[in-house]
C-alpha cells in the first residue's frame, strides 16, 4: 500500500524531458506527477532489477559457447552476440 503523499519536490528539467512527460500524460490520461512517481518506483524496484540481472545471466550462459570458439577481439564478441540475438528474434 502506498503511503499518503507527504513531500513536495521542486524539479527543474529541460524542455525535451518536459515535452516527453506531458505527451505521456496526455496519451495515458495520467498526471505528470504520477508518471514521475511511477518512473522513480520502477528505477528503484529491486525485484525488477534482480529479474533483469537473472535474465541477462541466463542469456549469457545460454549463448556462452555456441561453437564459435573464443572471440579474439571485442568487436568479434559483439558480432557473435548480435548474430545470436538476431537468430533468436527471427525464430
C-alpha atoms as a PDB file:
ATOM      1  CA  UNK A   1       0.000   0.000   0.000  1.00  0.00           C
ATOM      2  CA  UNK A   2       1.311   3.411  -0.892  1.00  0.00           C
ATOM      3  CA  UNK A   3       1.770   5.958   1.846  1.00  0.00           C
ATOM      4  CA  UNK A   4      -0.003   9.302   1.611  1.00  0.00           C
ATOM      5  CA  UNK A   5       1.850  11.956  -0.302  1.00  0.00           C
ATOM      6  CA  UNK A   6       3.880  13.847   2.267  1.00  0.00           C
ATOM      7  CA  UNK A   7       6.764  15.541   0.484  1.00  0.00           C
ATOM      8  CA  UNK A   8       6.874  18.137  -2.233  1.00  0.00           C
ATOM      9  CA  UNK A   9       9.682  18.094  -4.791  1.00  0.00           C
ATOM     10  CA  UNK A  10      10.682  21.016  -6.971  1.00  0.00           C
ATOM     11  CA  UNK A  11      12.459  19.689 -10.046  1.00  0.00           C
ATOM     12  CA  UNK A  12      13.992  21.618 -12.911  1.00  0.00           C
ATOM     13  CA  UNK A  13      14.125  19.749 -16.238  1.00  0.00           C
ATOM     14  CA  UNK A  14      14.858  20.697 -19.810  1.00  0.00           C
ATOM     15  CA  UNK A  15      12.155  21.272 -22.413  1.00  0.00           C
ATOM     16  CA  UNK A  16      12.702  17.943 -24.192  1.00  0.00           C
ATOM     17  CA  UNK A  17      12.084  15.952 -20.998  1.00  0.00           C
ATOM     18  CA  UNK A  18       9.092  18.081 -20.130  1.00  0.00           C
ATOM     19  CA  UNK A  19       7.652  17.508 -23.597  1.00  0.00           C
ATOM     20  CA  UNK A  20       8.056  13.744 -23.183  1.00  0.00           C
ATOM     21  CA  UNK A  21       6.337  13.833 -19.801  1.00  0.00           C
ATOM     22  CA  UNK A  22       3.402  15.935 -20.955  1.00  0.00           C
ATOM     23  CA  UNK A  23       2.961  13.838 -24.105  1.00  0.00           C
ATOM     24  CA  UNK A  24       2.850  10.659 -21.994  1.00  0.00           C
ATOM     25  CA  UNK A  25       0.426  12.319 -19.569  1.00  0.00           C
ATOM     26  CA  UNK A  26      -1.888  13.250 -22.433  1.00  0.00           C
ATOM     27  CA  UNK A  27      -1.568   9.819 -24.041  1.00  0.00           C
ATOM     28  CA  UNK A  28      -2.351   7.913 -20.843  1.00  0.00           C
ATOM     29  CA  UNK A  29      -4.704  10.344 -19.114  1.00  0.00           C
ATOM     30  CA  UNK A  30      -2.405  10.443 -16.087  1.00  0.00           C
ATOM     31  CA  UNK A  31      -0.791  13.406 -14.410  1.00  0.00           C
ATOM     32  CA  UNK A  32       2.839  14.318 -14.984  1.00  0.00           C
ATOM     33  CA  UNK A  33       3.424  13.840 -11.252  1.00  0.00           C
ATOM     34  CA  UNK A  34       2.037  10.298 -11.397  1.00  0.00           C
ATOM     35  CA  UNK A  35       4.322   9.438 -14.304  1.00  0.00           C
ATOM     36  CA  UNK A  36       7.344  10.793 -12.414  1.00  0.00           C
ATOM     37  CA  UNK A  37       6.392   8.833  -9.269  1.00  0.00           C
ATOM     38  CA  UNK A  38       5.985   5.646 -11.322  1.00  0.00           C
ATOM     39  CA  UNK A  39       9.370   6.194 -13.006  1.00  0.00           C
ATOM     40  CA  UNK A  40      11.001   6.567  -9.588  1.00  0.00           C
ATOM     41  CA  UNK A  41       9.315   3.393  -8.342  1.00  0.00           C
ATOM     42  CA  UNK A  42      10.469   1.454 -11.406  1.00  0.00           C
ATOM     43  CA  UNK A  43      14.011   2.765 -11.127  1.00  0.00           C
ATOM     44  CA  UNK A  44      14.347   1.666  -7.511  1.00  0.00           C
ATOM     45  CA  UNK A  45      12.431  -1.626  -7.858  1.00  0.00           C
ATOM     46  CA  UNK A  46      14.999  -4.157  -6.594  1.00  0.00           C
ATOM     47  CA  UNK A  47      12.880  -7.155  -7.601  1.00  0.00           C
ATOM     48  CA  UNK A  48      12.706  -5.896 -11.170  1.00  0.00           C
ATOM     49  CA  UNK A  49      16.460  -5.257 -11.163  1.00  0.00           C
ATOM     50  CA  UNK A  50      17.081  -8.792  -9.898  1.00  0.00           C
ATOM     51  CA  UNK A  51      14.899 -10.224 -12.680  1.00  0.00           C
ATOM     52  CA  UNK A  52      16.828  -8.216 -15.290  1.00  0.00           C
ATOM     53  CA  UNK A  53      20.153  -9.447 -13.877  1.00  0.00           C
ATOM     54  CA  UNK A  54      18.885 -13.042 -13.813  1.00  0.00           C
ATOM     55  CA  UNK A  55      17.661 -12.820 -17.411  1.00  0.00           C
ATOM     56  CA  UNK A  56      20.958 -11.303 -18.538  1.00  0.00           C
ATOM     57  CA  UNK A  57      22.907 -14.056 -16.785  1.00  0.00           C
ATOM     58  CA  UNK A  58      20.722 -16.738 -18.375  1.00  0.00           C
ATOM     59  CA  UNK A  59      21.242 -15.178 -21.797  1.00  0.00           C
ATOM     60  CA  UNK A  60      24.987 -15.027 -21.328  1.00  0.00           C
ATOM     61  CA  UNK A  61      25.165 -18.597 -20.072  1.00  0.00           C
ATOM     62  CA  UNK A  62      22.933 -19.883 -22.877  1.00  0.00           C
ATOM     63  CA  UNK A  63      24.973 -18.163 -25.554  1.00  0.00           C
ATOM     64  CA  UNK A  64      28.402 -18.594 -23.945  1.00  0.00           C
ATOM     65  CA  UNK A  65      29.605 -21.396 -26.201  1.00  0.00           C
ATOM     66  CA  UNK A  66      27.856 -21.922 -29.499  1.00  0.00           C
ATOM     67  CA  UNK A  67      30.823 -23.445 -31.248  1.00  0.00           C
ATOM     68  CA  UNK A  68      32.208 -20.090 -32.333  1.00  0.00           C
ATOM     69  CA  UNK A  69      35.381 -20.500 -30.319  1.00  0.00           C
ATOM     70  CA  UNK A  70      36.668 -17.673 -28.217  1.00  0.00           C
ATOM     71  CA  UNK A  71      36.411 -14.291 -29.902  1.00  0.00           C
ATOM     72  CA  UNK A  72      39.752 -12.618 -30.281  1.00  0.00           C
ATOM     73  CA  UNK A  73      38.511  -9.054 -30.080  1.00  0.00           C
ATOM     74  CA  UNK A  74      35.685  -7.088 -28.515  1.00  0.00           C
ATOM     75  CA  UNK A  75      34.260  -6.457 -31.984  1.00  0.00           C
ATOM     76  CA  UNK A  76      34.176 -10.210 -32.733  1.00  0.00           C
ATOM     77  CA  UNK A  77      32.425 -10.880 -29.454  1.00  0.00           C
ATOM     78  CA  UNK A  78      29.829  -8.188 -30.210  1.00  0.00           C
ATOM     79  CA  UNK A  79      29.277  -9.590 -33.709  1.00  0.00           C
ATOM     80  CA  UNK A  80      28.692 -13.089 -32.299  1.00  0.00           C
ATOM     81  CA  UNK A  81      26.231 -11.748 -29.713  1.00  0.00           C
ATOM     82  CA  UNK A  82      24.410  -9.683 -32.336  1.00  0.00           C
ATOM     83  CA  UNK A  83      24.108 -12.683 -34.671  1.00  0.00           C
ATOM     84  CA  UNK A  84      22.729 -14.796 -31.810  1.00  0.00           C
ATOM     85  CA  UNK A  85      20.185 -12.135 -30.838  1.00  0.00           C
ATOM     86  CA  UNK A  86      19.038 -11.776 -34.462  1.00  0.00           C
ATOM     87  CA  UNK A  87      18.725 -15.546 -34.752  1.00  0.00           C
ATOM     88  CA  UNK A  88      16.523 -15.608 -31.656  1.00  0.00           C
ATOM     89  CA  UNK A  89      14.361 -12.749 -32.908  1.00  0.00           C
ATOM     90  CA  UNK A  90      13.796 -14.497 -36.235  1.00  0.00           C
ATOM     91  CA  UNK A  91      12.816 -17.779 -34.563  1.00  0.00           C
END
